[in-house]
Amino acid sequence: ISSFSEVVLKLAWGTATVTGAKQVPNTNLLIVTATIGASGQAGLATSAAYRQADGGTPLMHASFDFLFVRPPPEISPIDGTLAGGSVISVKLYWNDPGTLQYLTARFASSIATVLAITAKDSSS
């Protein structure tokens, strides 16, 4: 490989920018480094890496699965009174939080009242 610009990574969703590619001497092994952008969703993304010739024709091709992992929820404040009545905020990284009428929350054996849902555009 004369330039890592010959190597392309395609993800089922999200973006990948190849930052390097190196052929291991005396092997058929190619090591590719890339920066993966935000995907906006979690899950297994069927993906592919390929080396392109002049004009973009793939010379070599390898398929792989890439797992995008959803960040854990963020809760604040992290404690409340034993008497109950504390108001907390829970950030959930879901694609579609749904509507208030269908969302429930439970803390051990106690059901909580969901007061509001605020959705944020995943591109920001």
Foldseek 3Di string as FASTA:
>chain_A
DPFCVQKAKFWQFWHKAWPDWDDDPPDRDIDTDIDTGDGLAWDKIWMKMFGADPVRHGPDIDIDIDTDDFDDKDKPPPDDDPVDPDDIDIDGSHNDPDDQVPDWDDDVPRTDRDDDDDDDPSVD
